[in-house]
Protein backbone atom coordinates (compact mmCIF):
# COMPACT_ATOMS: atom_id res chain seq x y z
CA UNK A 1 61.07 -12.45 128.34
CA UNK A 2 61.08 -8.56 128.53
CA UNK A 3 64.40 -8.28 129.50
CA UNK A 4 65.91 -10.42 126.46
CA UNK A 5 64.09 -8.27 124.20
CA UNK A 6 64.93 -5.07 125.34
CA UNK A 7 68.33 -6.70 125.80
CA UNK A 8 68.06 -7.47 121.79
CA UNK A 9 66.61 -4.30 121.01
CA UNK A 10 69.35 -2.35 122.43
CA UNK A 11 71.75 -4.01 120.02
CA UNK A 12 73.16 -2.21 116.67
CA UNK A 13 74.01 -5.69 115.22
CA UNK A 14 70.02 -7.13 115.92
CA UNK A 15 68.01 -3.87 115.07
CA UNK A 16 66.85 -5.41 111.93
CA UNK A 17 65.76 -8.98 111.46
CA UNK A 18 67.25 -11.59 108.86
CA UNK A 19 70.07 -10.72 106.56
CA UNK A 20 71.34 -6.99 105.96
CA UNK A 21 71.38 -5.57 102.32
CA UNK A 22 73.93 -3.89 101.12
CA UNK A 23 71.40 -0.79 100.44
CA UNK A 24 71.22 -0.80 104.49
CA UNK A 25 74.90 0.82 105.14
CA UNK A 26 74.96 3.26 101.90
CA UNK A 27 71.67 4.62 101.66
CA UNK A 28 71.59 7.59 103.67
CA UNK A 29 67.62 7.80 104.21
CA UNK A 30 67.49 3.97 105.93
CA UNK A 31 70.09 4.30 108.61
CA UNK A 32 68.49 5.47 111.81
CA UNK A 33 69.93 8.02 113.98
CA UNK A 34 72.15 7.51 116.50
CA UNK A 35 71.18 9.29 120.30
CA UNK A 36 73.22 12.40 120.54
CA UNK A 37 75.46 11.40 117.02
CA UNK A 38 74.91 12.86 114.05
CA UNK A 39 73.38 11.21 110.80
CA UNK A 40 76.07 9.30 108.85
CA UNK A 41 76.42 9.90 105.61
CA UNK A 42 77.29 6.93 104.48
CA UNK A 43 80.78 7.28 102.59
CA UNK A 44 83.39 4.81 102.64
CA UNK A 45 86.26 6.44 103.75
CA UNK A 46 90.24 5.13 104.45
CA UNK A 47 91.39 3.77 107.55
CA UNK A 48 92.71 6.10 110.25
CA UNK A 49 96.22 5.96 109.14
CA UNK A 50 95.79 7.51 105.96
CA UNK A 51 97.52 10.67 104.77
CA UNK A 52 94.98 12.78 102.40
CA UNK A 53 97.02 15.43 99.93
CA UNK A 54 99.00 14.70 96.55
CA UNK A 55 102.76 13.69 97.77
CA UNK A 56 105.89 16.14 96.28
CA UNK A 57 108.59 15.70 94.98
CA UNK A 58 111.19 17.86 96.88
CA UNK A 59 114.14 18.10 94.49
CA UNK A 60 115.84 21.15 96.40
CA UNK A 61 119.24 19.88 97.22
CA UNK A 62 119.64 22.42 100.18
CA UNK A 63 122.27 25.23 100.28
CA UNK A 64 125.12 23.12 98.35
CA UNK A 65 122.41 22.39 95.59
CA UNK A 66 122.11 26.76 95.99
CA UNK A 67 125.73 27.56 96.08
CA UNK A 68 127.14 25.55 93.16
CA UNK A 69 124.56 26.22 90.65
CA UNK A 70 121.39 28.07 90.10
CA UNK A 71 118.23 27.38 88.00
CA UNK A 72 117.04 29.39 85.68
CA UNK A 73 114.14 29.73 82.81
CA UNK A 74 114.97 28.19 79.88
CA UNK A 75 113.20 29.75 76.88
CA UNK A 76 111.61 27.56 74.69
CA UNK A 77 113.50 27.62 71.13
CA UNK A 78 110.17 25.84 69.50
CA UNK A 79 107.78 29.93 68.91
CA UNK A 80 104.35 28.78 67.66
CA UNK A 81 103.34 31.12 65.10
CA UNK A 82 99.87 31.52 64.68
CA UNK A 83 98.84 32.33 60.87
CA UNK A 84 97.34 35.93 60.35
CA UNK A 85 93.77 36.78 59.71
CA UNK A 86 92.45 37.02 56.51
CA UNK A 87 91.96 40.29 55.29
CA UNK A 88 88.78 41.02 53.91
CA UNK A 89 89.23 44.76 52.95
CA UNK A 90 91.73 43.80 51.04
CA UNK A 91 89.65 40.90 49.18
CA UNK A 92 86.97 43.34 48.64
CA UNK A 93 89.06 45.87 47.19
CA UNK A 94 90.63 43.80 44.56
CA UNK A 95 87.28 41.57 44.11
CA UNK A 96 85.62 44.92 43.06
CA UNK A 97 88.80 46.44 41.07
CA UNK A 98 88.38 42.99 38.87
CA UNK A 99 84.53 43.76 38.52
CA UNK A 100 82.93 41.72 40.89
CA UNK A 101 79.86 42.99 42.02
CA UNK A 102 77.44 40.22 43.10
CA UNK A 103 77.67 38.32 46.08
CA UNK A 104 78.08 34.88 44.52
CA UNK A 105 80.45 36.47 42.63
CA UNK A 106 82.52 37.75 46.04
CA UNK A 107 81.50 34.36 47.35
CA UNK A 108 83.97 32.75 44.27
CA UNK A 109 86.67 34.88 44.56
CA UNK A 110 87.23 34.42 48.16
CA UNK A 111 87.07 30.41 47.46
CA UNK A 112 90.08 30.67 44.98
CA UNK A 113 91.49 33.67 46.18
CA UNK A 114 93.46 34.42 49.63
CA UNK A 115 94.92 37.56 51.33
CA UNK A 116 96.67 37.61 54.80
CA UNK A 117 96.77 40.46 57.39
CA UNK A 118 100.32 41.75 57.76
CA UNK A 119 102.27 40.67 60.51
CA UNK A 120 102.38 43.81 63.18
CA UNK A 121 106.44 44.44 64.39
CA UNK A 122 107.47 44.51 67.80
CA UNK A 123 107.70 47.52 68.91
CA UNK A 124 111.79 47.42 69.94
CA UNK A 125 112.64 48.68 73.77
CA UNK A 126 113.55 52.42 74.10
CA UNK A 127 116.95 52.06 75.97
CA UNK A 128 116.54 53.47 79.56
CA UNK A 129 117.51 57.83 79.73
CA UNK A 130 120.68 58.69 81.11
CA UNK A 131 121.27 60.80 83.55
CA UNK A 132 123.73 63.64 84.80
CA UNK A 133 125.47 61.82 87.89
CA UNK A 134 124.68 65.46 90.03
CA UNK A 135 121.02 65.11 89.05
CA UNK A 136 118.27 65.70 91.68
CA UNK A 137 115.21 63.87 91.45
CA UNK A 138 112.19 64.93 92.88
CA UNK A 139 110.97 68.58 94.05
CA UNK A 140 112.50 71.61 95.34
CA UNK A 141 111.31 72.64 98.83
CA UNK A 142 109.18 75.91 99.77
CA UNK A 143 111.16 78.62 101.28
CA UNK A 144 110.68 79.03 104.61
CA UNK A 145 108.13 81.46 106.07
CA UNK A 146 109.87 84.94 107.48
CA UNK A 147 109.07 84.75 111.15
CA UNK A 148 108.61 88.24 111.34
CA UNK A 149 105.90 88.67 108.48
CA UNK A 150 104.17 85.94 110.55
CA UNK A 151 104.65 88.11 114.34
CA UNK A 152 103.28 91.62 112.60
CA UNK A 153 99.75 89.19 110.72
CA UNK A 154 101.52 91.02 107.21
CA UNK A 155 99.38 88.43 105.55
CA UNK A 156 96.44 89.18 107.23
CA UNK A 157 96.37 92.49 106.28
CA UNK A 158 97.22 91.86 102.40
CA UNK A 159 94.60 89.50 102.84
CA UNK A 160 92.24 92.04 103.91
CA UNK A 161 93.54 94.86 101.73
CA UNK A 162 93.12 92.61 98.38
CA UNK A 163 89.10 91.04 99.90
CA UNK A 164 88.71 94.84 100.06
CA UNK A 165 89.78 95.95 96.37
CA UNK A 166 87.45 93.05 95.70
CA UNK A 167 84.67 94.00 96.68
CA UNK A 168 84.94 97.61 95.66
CA UNK A 169 85.64 96.04 92.43
CA UNK A 170 82.04 94.25 92.28
CA UNK A 171 80.32 96.33 93.63
CA UNK A 172 81.53 98.75 90.59
CA UNK A 173 81.39 96.13 87.98
CA UNK A 174 77.06 96.10 89.69
CA UNK A 175 77.42 99.68 89.58
CA UNK A 176 77.68 100.25 86.04
CA UNK A 177 75.43 97.01 85.06
CA UNK A 178 72.41 98.13 86.19
CA UNK A 179 73.08 101.96 85.02
CA UNK A 180 73.69 100.64 81.48
CA UNK A 181 70.87 98.29 81.98
CA UNK A 182 68.35 101.41 83.29
CA UNK A 183 69.45 103.93 80.41
CA UNK A 184 67.01 103.98 77.46
CA UNK A 185 67.86 105.75 74.34
CA UNK A 186 64.40 106.91 73.39
CA UNK A 187 63.49 107.03 69.44
CA UNK A 188 61.15 108.75 67.20
CA UNK A 189 59.18 105.72 67.16
CA UNK A 190 59.34 104.82 70.33
CA UNK A 191 57.88 108.70 71.10
CA UNK A 192 55.22 108.28 68.76
CA UNK A 193 53.91 105.16 70.26
CA UNK A 194 53.77 106.41 73.52
CA UNK A 195 51.97 110.00 72.41
CA UNK A 196 48.25 110.43 72.48
CA UNK A 197 46.43 113.83 71.41
CA UNK A 198 44.90 115.46 74.13
CA UNK A 199 40.65 114.73 73.83
CA UNK A 200 38.87 117.40 74.96
CA UNK A 201 36.04 115.54 78.31
CA UNK A 202 32.21 115.35 77.16
CA UNK A 203 30.04 117.65 78.86
CA UNK A 204 28.14 115.90 81.18
CA UNK A 205 24.67 113.82 80.15
CA UNK A 206 21.13 115.72 80.41
CA UNK A 207 18.18 114.90 78.88
CA UNK A 208 17.59 116.25 75.67
CA UNK A 209 14.47 118.61 76.32
CA UNK A 210 17.07 120.22 79.33
CA UNK A 211 19.97 120.37 76.79
CA UNK A 212 19.30 123.88 76.06
CA UNK A 213 18.81 125.21 78.99
CA UNK A 214 20.68 126.99 80.75
CA UNK A 215 21.29 126.33 85.03
CA UNK A 216 19.28 128.63 87.51
CA UNK A 217 21.78 127.53 90.03
CA UNK A 218 25.57 129.11 90.22
CA UNK A 219 26.94 128.88 93.85
CA UNK A 220 30.63 130.40 93.13
CA UNK A 221 30.60 134.10 92.84
CA UNK A 222 33.30 133.90 89.38
CA UNK A 223 34.75 131.30 87.41
CA UNK A 224 37.82 132.38 88.86
CA UNK A 225 36.63 131.54 92.78
CA UNK A 226 35.52 128.29 91.51
CA UNK A 227 39.25 127.32 90.40
CA UNK A 228 40.21 128.21 92.94
CA UNK A 229 37.88 126.11 95.14
CA UNK A 230 38.14 122.68 93.05
CA UNK A 231 42.43 123.55 93.46
CA UNK A 232 42.04 122.99 96.93
CA UNK A 233 40.07 120.84 97.30
CA UNK A 234 42.07 118.89 95.24
CA UNK A 235 44.86 119.42 97.61
CA UNK A 236 43.20 118.33 100.15
CA UNK A 237 40.92 115.00 99.07
CA UNK A 238 44.89 113.04 99.67
CA UNK A 239 44.23 113.15 103.48
CA UNK A 240 40.82 112.64 103.44
CA UNK A 241 38.48 108.97 103.25
CA UNK A 242 36.20 107.96 99.98
CA UNK A 243 36.35 107.47 96.82
CA UNK A 244 36.11 111.78 95.61
CA UNK A 245 38.39 112.83 99.20
CA UNK A 246 35.33 114.09 100.67
CA UNK A 247 34.85 111.83 103.77
CA UNK A 248 37.17 112.67 107.64
CA UNK A 249 40.29 113.23 108.04
CA UNK A 250 42.68 109.64 107.71
CA UNK A 251 45.73 108.82 110.33
CA UNK A 252 49.03 109.23 108.74
CA UNK A 253 50.13 106.01 107.11
CA UNK A 254 53.89 104.97 108.68
């Protein structure tokens, strides 16, 4: 019995019990996949000897027909002329000349009047220009470079000379420009703005009760010696440290 069941299950025509419906062969969702094969798409195809495509009728008679007559295109005599469009600009101008200003009047005017655009005439084809039989077309070739100038590096020397002249010209223009920018002409107004009247330095601060008492200590022998001493101190303070130039000498700065 087991052998009979296996034989029955292995046969394709006995996989389904009862009568098969047409949907079993046309619905790909109901078709069982075969081992080692792709799933069928359930399309009804023509037989194997069927040829696909469209049958073309060959009207070529071969070399004899080609020599005897030549088929050329015959233009159609009937020309479908398209009706020109309405000229709304001309309609609006005509309506305004007649005194129509409202939209309703314009609508009624367009319903009773019709103006079409003028057909644009085709431009006549220009005849081909005629040339002299000895006319030569193209671009003239460049004359050959002299070999002696190449061997003597003449073109290099000319280029270097041009670069030197251009460099000198740029340098001169830059100098003149800087001179013009740096030179400022003084006017009376600019001089008066920078001028300030000299002001005598005010006396050192003292307490009121000591303001009228003269100094009791004088370290300089005379006013001349005092001025000479302060002059030497001002010239020597540039190389000393400290705010007032009273410190030690500082090393020279490079």
